[in-house]
Structures are given as C-alpha cells and as structure tokens.
Amino acid sequence: MDRELEDVWRRESPHVLGALVRRYGHFDACEDAVQEALLSAAVHWPSEGLPANPRGWLIRAASRRLVDALRSDRARSDRETAASLLDPEQAPVLGGDDSLQVLLLCCHPSLTPASQVALTLRAVGGLTTEQIAAAFLVPVATTGQRISRAKARLAAAGARLGDVTRADLPSRVESARQALYLIFNEGYAATGGADLLDVSLTTEAIRLARELHRRLPSDSETAGLLALMLLTEARRAARTDARGDLVPLADQDRSRWDRSLIAEGVRLVEAALPSGPVGPFQLQAAIAAVHGEAAAYADTDWPQIAELYRMLEAAAPGPVVTMNRAVAVAMSEGPDAALAMLDPLLREPALVRVHRLHAIRAHLLEQAGRFAEARNAFGEAARLATSTPEQRYLLRKAAAIAE
C-alpha cells in the first residue's frame, strides 16, 4: 500500500494543487493543504482502501484543511472574504489537466531560474527536499530556503494559475524544460530507496514534455528534450534484472529496447537539429540516438559520441557533462586521457561526495588495469550511493575485482 500510495500521490499531486490554486489562489497555503491531505490519506487509505476517485478525495481533504487554515489566520486582512468564499464542503470542481499550468506558474519570471526549477520539482514532480538537493548538488537546508523564498515571491507577485499566455511561454519554457528533465532523471535513476526506477515520474515527465512540445512545436530545444526522454525511456526494460538490480549499458539485452520509442526520438532529433540553434537537449538527444541505433555495444560510434559531448561541454559546461564525456573519451582514446579529465573534479568539495564521480573513476581505473585503485573507488562509490540497487551493483564490482 505504501508504494501504491506514493504512486497515486506522484500522479495526482500537481492536479490537486492546480485545482486548489485555480479556485482559491494562495499557492503556499494550497501546497501546505495538499501536503496535509496526503498525510490524511496515509492514515486512512491503508485501512479503508484506495478510494475510487483518489484525486477527488485529496481535493476535498485539502480544501477542508485550507479553509480551516484561512479561517484561523486572524492576521489575514481578507479573512472574512476568504471565509465567505471557501466552503469546506464545496471542493473545487474537477476540471481539466492543471499540471502544465502549475508547471508554468512555478516558472514565474519573479523567481530566479534555480528557484523556478526547485519549486517545480516540489510542486509538479512531488520530489522531497532531499531529492531536489541531490539534483542540484547543494545542501538540503539551502534547497529548503530556496523553495520557501520562491513561494513567498509568488505570493508577493500576485501570481495566479492560468495567467500564462502563449506570448509568455518562451520566457518560462527554459526553466520548465530543466525541471522536467530533472523529474525524468529522478524517475529513471532514483537518488535513493530500494528501487532503481520510478515509472510514475518518467511517465509524467514525458507526458508534460509532449504537451509542452504540442504548444511550442517550433521550439527545437523542447523537441530535443522530448526526444532525449523517449530515447532514454526506450532502454528502461533492459536496465534492471529480475531482482531489480542495475544492468549497465554494455550488458543490456538490446532486444528488450522499445524500438518504437527509439524511432520516434530519432525523428524528433533529425527534425530539430536543422531547424534552429543547437542546444544542450538536442545534443544529449543526438548522443542517445547514437546509442539507440547501435545494434550492439561494440558497434557504438564512440568517436562521434565523444565529439557530441565536447560540443555539449562547450554549450552547457558542468561536472555531469564532464563525467559523461570522460566515459566516451575512454572508449575512443583510452582510459588515461579520461582519468585526467576527472582529476579537477575530485578537488571540488561539492563533488567529492558525489557517488557517480567515484563510480565512473572506478570503471576507468579498471579499464586502465589499476585494479587495487579501482576496487577502492568502487567501494567509495558504494559507500556514498543512496540507491540500494546501485549500492549492490558497485559492491559486486568491487568484490569481482578483489577475486
């Protein structure tokens, strides 16, 4: 029931939040009410069973809590007005899909780009503060403050759901793309927990990316984002074994890849690349397309992938891009050149505790024949990893080298 509850929450929370904000305003208070409705669901649903209409149940529960909170807040200048408008027995009428409107509200221009993305991950993706902090590689306290300030700024700006016109989309779409990308990544490689994948997150991110692309069909970066998601999602069935453990790309059964998703992603990439400036999502999608079209791991065009990563690093430099580029360089030029690329990252205090950096370094050390160092690096990566399947995989790698 816990997993089922979490799946329902992830799927329904942006719709519930959108319904409340559309009717009542008060984004911050609405989000608090939705969080309390989830706690109520966690108490009632395990014993009473999942309701036939979970969204309606959550909307009604959240509405009652919101009304109670507004009525008890005697400092609010509009308390009486609010009380007359908000009847706890009259929840918002279930309307259309508000999740994209919530996404665009979270990308309000009064917020900094980092705050826009963090708030979207919370409100639309349903991610915890800890998960968002891991995505940004910043402390949890910093992330919590960033989200709180973002809510306060939305209130001060008088931002309302549904006030985004087509002309406003371009100014908000960059943050929206970044947030959807991070939501998808959290679903595709969970930062913690017993499962490597969270399909509810990847499915919702793809759905919203499709809707954003439908509204902005000529935006080549949005097309690139959707292509990247589809090409990555195509490999999902082969990424874990029967026990749910990680299967690395080199060992995946490519007959289990979804060829229809690969074909759709490739079509999007081929249409987007010639149509405008080439951005980071298009480049990442092109890399994923090269992987997707290789019949076997040995057939991968690693020099092309290394060049695409070089272009990506020039367009959007960052430690994650450097790590990924190092893998491609190792395959095309040898592990020593790739290890040299990682040395500066190991001197960064914010990165030295990122397990993926140590995991990639361990693989490169193993390729270079430096087995004792590789074993230690795999062990350090396992110690820092918060995902149980990744921990098991890394520990197996360390043990295999020890043998």
Protein backbone atom coordinates (compact mmCIF):
# COMPACT_ATOMS: atom_id res chain seq x y z
CA MET A 1 0.00 0.00 0.00
CA ASP A 2 2.88 2.38 0.72
CA ARG A 3 4.16 2.14 -2.85
CA GLU A 4 0.65 2.40 -4.27
CA LEU A 5 0.02 5.47 -2.14
CA GLU A 6 3.26 7.04 -3.34
CA ASP A 7 2.41 6.32 -6.99
CA VAL A 8 -1.02 7.92 -6.62
CA TRP A 9 0.46 10.92 -4.84
CA ARG A 10 3.08 11.48 -7.51
CA ARG A 11 0.47 11.21 -10.23
CA GLU A 12 -2.26 13.30 -8.62
CA SER A 13 -0.44 15.97 -6.55
CA PRO A 14 0.02 18.55 -9.34
CA HIS A 15 -3.61 18.11 -10.40
CA VAL A 16 -4.83 18.55 -6.80
CA LEU A 17 -2.60 21.57 -6.27
CA GLY A 18 -3.71 23.07 -9.56
CA ALA A 19 -7.40 22.64 -8.72
CA LEU A 20 -6.96 24.40 -5.36
CA VAL A 21 -4.80 27.22 -6.69
CA ARG A 22 -7.17 27.83 -9.60
CA ARG A 23 -10.09 28.29 -7.21
CA TYR A 24 -8.50 29.83 -4.13
CA GLY A 25 -5.15 31.37 -5.08
CA HIS A 26 -2.66 31.34 -2.16
CA PHE A 27 -0.09 28.96 -3.72
CA ASP A 28 1.84 28.49 -0.48
CA ALA A 29 -1.24 27.76 1.63
CA CYS A 30 -2.62 25.45 -1.04
CA GLU A 31 0.57 23.42 -1.16
CA ASP A 32 0.58 23.06 2.63
CA ALA A 33 -3.04 21.89 2.48
CA VAL A 34 -2.21 19.33 -0.20
CA GLN A 35 0.68 18.01 1.92
CA GLU A 36 -1.70 17.62 4.87
CA ALA A 37 -4.21 15.82 2.65
CA LEU A 38 -1.50 13.32 1.77
CA LEU A 39 -0.80 12.71 5.45
CA SER A 40 -4.51 12.11 5.97
CA ALA A 41 -4.52 9.68 3.05
CA ALA A 42 -1.57 7.83 4.57
CA VAL A 43 -3.66 7.32 7.72
CA HIS A 44 -6.98 6.37 6.12
CA TRP A 45 -6.21 4.58 2.87
CA PRO A 46 -4.25 1.59 4.26
CA SER A 47 -7.25 0.59 6.41
CA GLU A 48 -10.11 1.86 4.24
CA GLY A 49 -8.62 1.01 0.86
CA LEU A 50 -7.77 3.22 -2.09
CA PRO A 51 -10.81 5.38 -2.95
CA ALA A 52 -12.45 5.04 -6.34
CA ASN A 53 -11.55 8.65 -7.10
CA PRO A 54 -8.24 9.42 -5.33
CA ARG A 55 -7.95 12.86 -6.90
CA GLY A 56 -11.39 13.91 -5.73
CA TRP A 57 -10.71 12.54 -2.24
CA LEU A 58 -7.45 14.51 -2.00
CA ILE A 59 -9.05 17.69 -3.33
CA ARG A 60 -11.84 17.52 -0.78
CA ALA A 61 -9.45 16.79 2.09
CA ALA A 62 -7.05 19.55 1.04
CA SER A 63 -9.92 22.03 0.60
CA ARG A 64 -11.17 21.42 4.13
CA ARG A 65 -7.72 21.97 5.57
CA LEU A 66 -7.17 25.11 3.50
CA VAL A 67 -10.47 26.61 4.66
CA ASP A 68 -9.66 25.82 8.28
CA ALA A 69 -6.22 27.40 7.94
CA LEU A 70 -7.53 30.59 6.33
CA ARG A 71 -10.33 30.99 8.82
CA SER A 72 -7.99 30.59 11.79
CA ASP A 73 -5.44 33.08 10.48
CA ARG A 74 -6.73 36.24 12.13
CA ALA A 75 -3.82 38.26 10.77
CA ARG A 76 -5.08 37.98 7.20
CA SER A 77 -6.71 41.20 6.02
CA ASP A 78 -9.11 39.29 3.78
CA ARG A 79 -10.05 36.67 6.36
CA GLU A 80 -13.78 37.34 6.27
CA THR A 81 -13.85 37.49 2.48
CA ALA A 82 -11.97 34.23 2.27
CA ALA A 83 -14.28 32.59 4.77
CA SER A 84 -17.33 33.57 2.77
CA LEU A 85 -15.87 32.21 -0.45
CA LEU A 86 -14.42 28.98 0.89
CA ASP A 87 -16.98 26.46 1.98
CA PRO A 88 -15.18 23.34 3.27
CA GLU A 89 -17.99 21.17 1.95
CA GLN A 90 -17.66 22.59 -1.56
CA ALA A 91 -14.38 21.40 -3.00
CA PRO A 92 -13.23 22.68 -6.41
CA VAL A 93 -14.97 21.09 -9.34
CA LEU A 94 -12.73 18.59 -11.10
CA GLY A 95 -11.76 20.20 -14.37
CA GLY A 96 -9.12 19.60 -16.99
CA ASP A 97 -5.43 18.92 -16.58
CA ASP A 98 -3.90 21.68 -14.45
CA SER A 99 -0.44 20.11 -14.14
CA LEU A 100 1.07 22.07 -17.04
CA GLN A 101 -0.44 25.29 -15.64
CA VAL A 102 1.18 24.54 -12.26
CA LEU A 103 4.49 23.94 -14.06
CA LEU A 104 4.27 27.31 -15.80
CA LEU A 105 3.19 29.06 -12.59
CA CYS A 106 6.29 27.72 -10.85
CA CYS A 107 8.36 29.24 -13.67
CA HIS A 108 7.06 32.76 -12.95
CA PRO A 109 9.56 35.48 -14.01
CA SER A 110 9.70 36.91 -10.47
CA LEU A 111 11.72 33.83 -9.45
CA THR A 112 15.35 33.08 -10.16
CA PRO A 113 15.94 30.17 -12.57
CA ALA A 114 17.21 27.95 -9.73
CA SER A 115 14.13 28.75 -7.63
CA GLN A 116 11.82 28.10 -10.57
CA VAL A 117 13.26 24.64 -11.08
CA ALA A 118 13.34 23.77 -7.37
CA LEU A 119 9.72 24.81 -6.84
CA THR A 120 8.61 22.87 -9.93
CA LEU A 121 10.35 19.73 -8.73
CA ARG A 122 8.46 20.04 -5.45
CA ALA A 123 5.03 21.03 -6.76
CA VAL A 124 4.89 19.14 -10.06
CA GLY A 125 7.33 16.29 -9.52
CA GLY A 126 6.43 15.64 -5.89
CA LEU A 127 10.13 15.31 -5.03
CA THR A 128 11.34 15.68 -1.47
CA THR A 129 13.68 18.45 -0.40
CA GLU A 130 16.43 15.85 -0.11
CA GLN A 131 15.92 14.64 -3.68
CA ILE A 132 15.93 18.20 -5.01
CA ALA A 133 19.11 18.98 -3.10
CA ALA A 134 20.76 15.92 -4.64
CA ALA A 135 19.73 17.06 -8.13
CA PHE A 136 21.31 20.48 -7.56
CA LEU A 137 24.34 19.12 -5.64
CA VAL A 138 23.62 21.64 -2.83
CA PRO A 139 22.85 21.25 0.91
CA VAL A 140 19.31 20.30 1.96
CA ALA A 141 18.96 23.46 4.08
CA THR A 142 19.81 25.64 1.07
CA THR A 143 17.18 23.89 -1.01
CA GLY A 144 14.51 24.28 1.67
CA GLN A 145 15.21 28.01 1.94
CA ARG A 146 15.13 28.37 -1.84
CA ILE A 147 11.69 26.75 -2.06
CA SER A 148 10.30 28.84 0.82
CA ARG A 149 11.54 32.08 -0.73
CA ALA A 150 10.07 31.08 -4.09
CA LYS A 151 6.61 30.60 -2.56
CA ALA A 152 6.84 33.97 -0.81
CA ARG A 153 7.82 35.71 -4.05
CA LEU A 154 4.92 34.13 -5.93
CA ALA A 155 2.55 35.46 -3.28
CA ALA A 156 4.12 38.92 -3.41
CA ALA A 157 3.87 38.99 -7.20
CA GLY A 158 0.20 38.05 -7.10
CA ALA A 159 0.86 35.14 -9.49
CA ARG A 160 -2.24 33.20 -10.46
CA LEU A 161 -2.81 29.90 -12.16
CA GLY A 162 -3.75 30.23 -15.80
CA ASP A 163 -2.37 33.73 -16.29
CA VAL A 164 0.22 32.49 -18.80
CA THR A 165 -0.49 33.40 -22.41
CA ARG A 166 1.20 31.93 -25.49
CA ALA A 167 3.35 35.08 -25.61
CA ASP A 168 4.59 34.34 -22.05
CA LEU A 169 5.66 30.78 -22.83
CA PRO A 170 9.12 31.50 -24.28
CA SER A 171 10.21 33.36 -21.13
CA ARG A 172 9.25 30.41 -18.93
CA VAL A 173 9.96 27.42 -21.10
CA GLU A 174 13.70 27.13 -20.38
CA SER A 175 13.11 26.56 -16.66
CA ALA A 176 10.17 24.30 -17.44
CA ARG A 177 12.39 22.13 -19.65
CA GLN A 178 15.09 21.91 -16.99
CA ALA A 179 12.59 20.94 -14.31
CA LEU A 180 11.01 18.24 -16.48
CA TYR A 181 14.47 16.88 -17.28
CA LEU A 182 15.30 16.59 -13.57
CA ILE A 183 11.93 14.97 -12.81
CA PHE A 184 12.57 12.43 -15.54
CA ASN A 185 16.09 11.76 -14.25
CA GLU A 186 14.84 11.13 -10.72
CA GLY A 187 12.43 8.57 -12.10
CA TYR A 188 15.00 6.95 -14.36
CA ALA A 189 17.73 6.70 -11.72
CA ALA A 190 16.28 7.30 -8.27
CA THR A 191 18.64 9.02 -5.85
CA GLY A 192 17.51 6.80 -3.00
CA GLY A 193 15.32 3.89 -1.97
CA ALA A 194 15.02 0.23 -2.81
CA ASP A 195 14.12 0.65 -6.49
CA LEU A 196 16.27 1.98 -9.31
CA LEU A 197 13.28 3.21 -11.35
CA ASP A 198 10.17 5.25 -10.58
CA VAL A 199 7.99 4.84 -13.66
CA SER A 200 5.36 7.28 -12.37
CA LEU A 201 7.89 10.11 -12.58
CA THR A 202 9.24 9.25 -16.03
CA THR A 203 5.72 8.80 -17.39
CA GLU A 204 4.55 12.17 -16.05
CA ALA A 205 7.67 13.97 -17.27
CA ILE A 206 7.20 12.56 -20.78
CA ARG A 207 3.51 13.46 -20.76
CA LEU A 208 4.24 17.07 -19.80
CA ALA A 209 7.10 17.30 -22.30
CA ARG A 210 4.73 16.12 -25.03
CA GLU A 211 2.21 18.78 -24.02
CA LEU A 212 4.89 21.49 -23.95
CA HIS A 213 6.09 20.40 -27.40
CA ARG A 214 2.50 20.44 -28.68
CA ARG A 215 2.15 24.05 -27.55
CA LEU A 216 5.55 25.07 -28.90
CA PRO A 217 6.09 22.83 -31.94
CA SER A 218 8.78 25.08 -33.44
CA ASP A 219 10.89 25.17 -30.27
CA SER A 220 13.80 22.90 -31.17
CA GLU A 221 15.08 22.52 -27.60
CA THR A 222 11.70 21.33 -26.35
CA ALA A 223 11.70 18.81 -29.21
CA GLY A 224 15.20 17.81 -28.15
CA LEU A 225 14.10 17.31 -24.55
CA LEU A 226 11.19 15.11 -25.59
CA ALA A 227 13.47 13.13 -27.92
CA LEU A 228 16.01 12.64 -25.12
CA MET A 229 13.33 11.34 -22.77
CA LEU A 230 11.91 8.93 -25.34
CA LEU A 231 15.32 7.58 -26.37
CA THR A 232 16.29 7.08 -22.73
CA GLU A 233 12.95 5.59 -21.73
CA ALA A 234 13.28 3.12 -24.61
CA ARG A 235 16.04 1.32 -22.66
CA ARG A 236 14.10 1.05 -19.39
CA ALA A 237 13.08 -2.62 -19.65
CA ALA A 238 16.70 -3.70 -20.06
CA ARG A 239 18.19 -1.54 -17.27
CA THR A 240 17.32 -3.92 -14.42
CA ASP A 241 17.44 -7.67 -13.97
CA ALA A 242 14.87 -9.96 -12.36
CA ARG A 243 15.95 -8.81 -8.88
CA GLY A 244 15.71 -5.14 -9.80
CA ASP A 245 19.47 -4.70 -9.88
CA LEU A 246 21.21 -2.34 -12.28
CA VAL A 247 22.31 -3.71 -15.67
CA PRO A 248 24.95 -1.41 -17.23
CA LEU A 249 24.61 -0.30 -20.84
CA ALA A 250 27.32 -2.67 -22.06
CA ASP A 251 25.44 -5.69 -20.71
CA GLN A 252 21.88 -4.79 -21.65
CA ASP A 253 19.77 -7.06 -23.85
CA ARG A 254 19.01 -4.69 -26.70
CA SER A 255 16.18 -6.86 -27.95
CA ARG A 256 14.25 -5.53 -24.95
CA TRP A 257 14.67 -1.91 -26.04
CA ASP A 258 11.49 -0.22 -27.26
CA ARG A 259 12.22 0.35 -30.95
CA SER A 260 9.09 2.45 -31.48
CA LEU A 261 10.26 4.98 -28.88
CA ILE A 262 13.74 4.99 -30.44
CA ALA A 263 12.26 5.65 -33.88
CA GLU A 264 10.10 8.48 -32.55
CA GLY A 265 13.04 10.02 -30.70
CA VAL A 266 15.30 9.82 -33.74
CA ARG A 267 12.64 11.51 -35.89
CA LEU A 268 12.37 14.36 -33.40
CA VAL A 269 16.16 14.81 -33.30
CA GLU A 270 16.50 14.77 -37.06
CA ALA A 271 13.74 17.37 -37.39
CA ALA A 272 15.04 19.62 -34.58
CA LEU A 273 18.76 19.80 -35.36
CA PRO A 274 18.49 21.65 -38.71
CA SER A 275 15.67 23.95 -37.55
CA GLY A 276 17.45 26.33 -35.20
CA PRO A 277 20.33 26.87 -32.77
CA VAL A 278 21.61 23.56 -31.43
CA GLY A 279 21.11 23.47 -27.66
CA PRO A 280 22.07 21.09 -24.86
CA PHE A 281 18.95 18.93 -25.01
CA GLN A 282 19.31 18.41 -28.75
CA LEU A 283 22.93 17.38 -28.26
CA GLN A 284 22.03 14.95 -25.47
CA ALA A 285 19.26 13.53 -27.63
CA ALA A 286 21.71 13.10 -30.51
CA ILE A 287 24.02 11.17 -28.17
CA ALA A 288 21.13 8.97 -27.04
CA ALA A 289 20.20 8.40 -30.70
CA VAL A 290 23.71 7.13 -31.49
CA HIS A 291 23.40 4.66 -28.62
CA GLY A 292 19.88 3.70 -29.67
CA GLU A 293 20.82 2.93 -33.27
CA ALA A 294 23.85 0.75 -32.38
CA ALA A 295 22.92 -2.90 -32.83
CA ALA A 296 25.42 -3.93 -30.12
CA TYR A 297 27.61 -2.17 -27.57
CA ALA A 298 30.70 -2.97 -29.62
CA ASP A 299 29.12 -1.22 -32.63
CA THR A 300 28.72 2.11 -30.81
CA ASP A 301 30.28 5.06 -32.63
CA TRP A 302 32.29 6.30 -29.63
CA PRO A 303 34.30 8.97 -31.53
CA GLN A 304 31.01 10.56 -32.61
CA ILE A 305 29.67 10.42 -29.05
CA ALA A 306 32.90 11.94 -27.69
CA GLU A 307 32.62 14.79 -30.20
CA LEU A 308 28.99 15.41 -29.30
CA TYR A 309 29.96 15.55 -25.63
CA ARG A 310 32.72 18.02 -26.49
CA MET A 311 30.09 20.22 -28.14
CA LEU A 312 27.78 19.76 -25.16
CA GLU A 313 30.51 20.75 -22.72
CA ALA A 314 31.11 23.92 -24.73
CA ALA A 315 27.39 24.74 -24.80
CA ALA A 316 26.50 23.79 -21.22
CA PRO A 317 29.60 23.11 -19.12
CA GLY A 318 29.16 21.25 -15.86
CA PRO A 319 30.55 18.34 -13.84
CA VAL A 320 27.93 15.83 -15.03
CA VAL A 321 28.74 16.59 -18.67
CA THR A 322 32.46 16.23 -17.95
CA MET A 323 31.89 12.85 -16.30
CA ASN A 324 29.86 11.58 -19.24
CA ARG A 325 32.37 12.93 -21.73
CA ALA A 326 35.15 11.12 -19.86
CA VAL A 327 33.38 7.78 -20.45
CA ALA A 328 33.19 8.45 -24.19
CA VAL A 329 36.81 9.63 -24.31
CA ALA A 330 37.89 6.45 -22.55
CA MET A 331 36.21 4.35 -25.21
CA SER A 332 37.64 6.35 -28.11
CA GLU A 333 41.07 7.47 -26.80
CA GLY A 334 41.79 5.27 -23.80
CA PRO A 335 41.22 5.46 -20.02
CA ASP A 336 44.28 7.56 -19.15
CA ALA A 337 43.00 10.57 -21.09
CA ALA A 338 39.61 10.18 -19.42
CA LEU A 339 41.05 9.90 -15.91
CA ALA A 340 42.93 13.17 -16.43
CA MET A 341 39.58 14.85 -17.15
CA LEU A 342 38.22 13.71 -13.76
CA ASP A 343 41.16 14.87 -11.64
CA PRO A 344 39.95 18.51 -11.34
CA LEU A 345 36.50 17.33 -10.25
CA LEU A 346 37.98 15.30 -7.39
CA ARG A 347 39.40 18.53 -5.98
CA GLU A 348 35.96 20.15 -5.76
CA PRO A 349 34.50 19.87 -2.20
CA ALA A 350 30.93 19.80 -3.53
CA LEU A 351 31.69 16.89 -5.86
CA VAL A 352 33.94 14.68 -3.78
CA ARG A 353 30.86 13.17 -2.10
CA VAL A 354 29.02 12.51 -5.38
CA HIS A 355 28.99 8.74 -5.76
CA ARG A 356 28.74 8.83 -9.56
CA LEU A 357 32.10 10.57 -9.87
CA HIS A 358 33.79 7.76 -7.93
CA ALA A 359 31.86 5.09 -9.85
CA ILE A 360 32.97 6.44 -13.23
CA ARG A 361 36.53 6.80 -11.99
CA ALA A 362 36.43 3.20 -10.74
CA HIS A 363 35.36 1.92 -14.17
CA LEU A 364 38.15 3.91 -15.83
CA LEU A 365 40.75 2.65 -13.35
CA GLU A 366 39.62 -0.91 -14.05
CA GLN A 367 39.99 -0.30 -17.81
CA ALA A 368 43.50 1.05 -17.17
CA GLY A 369 44.48 -2.10 -15.26
CA ARG A 370 44.85 -0.23 -11.94
CA PHE A 371 42.81 -2.84 -10.11
CA ALA A 372 43.59 -2.02 -6.47
CA GLU A 373 42.65 1.63 -7.02
CA ALA A 374 39.53 0.58 -8.93
CA ARG A 375 38.43 -1.69 -6.07
CA ASN A 376 38.80 1.16 -3.58
CA ALA A 377 36.95 3.59 -5.84
CA PHE A 378 34.05 1.16 -6.31
CA GLY A 379 33.88 0.78 -2.53
CA GLU A 380 33.84 4.55 -2.01
CA ALA A 381 31.11 4.95 -4.63
CA ALA A 382 29.01 2.28 -2.90
CA ARG A 383 29.50 3.99 0.46
CA LEU A 384 28.25 7.31 -0.93
CA ALA A 385 25.37 5.93 -3.03
CA THR A 386 21.87 6.26 -1.57
CA SER A 387 20.13 3.95 -4.04
CA THR A 388 20.09 0.33 -2.85
CA PRO A 389 20.31 -1.21 -6.36
CA GLU A 390 23.29 0.99 -7.20
CA GLN A 391 24.98 0.08 -3.91
CA ARG A 392 24.60 -3.63 -4.68
CA TYR A 393 25.97 -3.19 -8.19
CA LEU A 394 29.00 -1.21 -7.01
CA LEU A 395 29.78 -3.64 -4.22
CA ARG A 396 29.61 -6.55 -6.67
CA LYS A 397 32.06 -4.73 -8.93
CA ALA A 398 34.45 -4.19 -6.03
CA ALA A 399 34.19 -7.84 -4.98
CA ALA A 400 34.74 -9.10 -8.54
CA ILE A 401 37.99 -7.15 -8.74
CA ALA A 402 39.06 -8.48 -5.34
CA GLU A 403 38.76 -12.01 -6.69
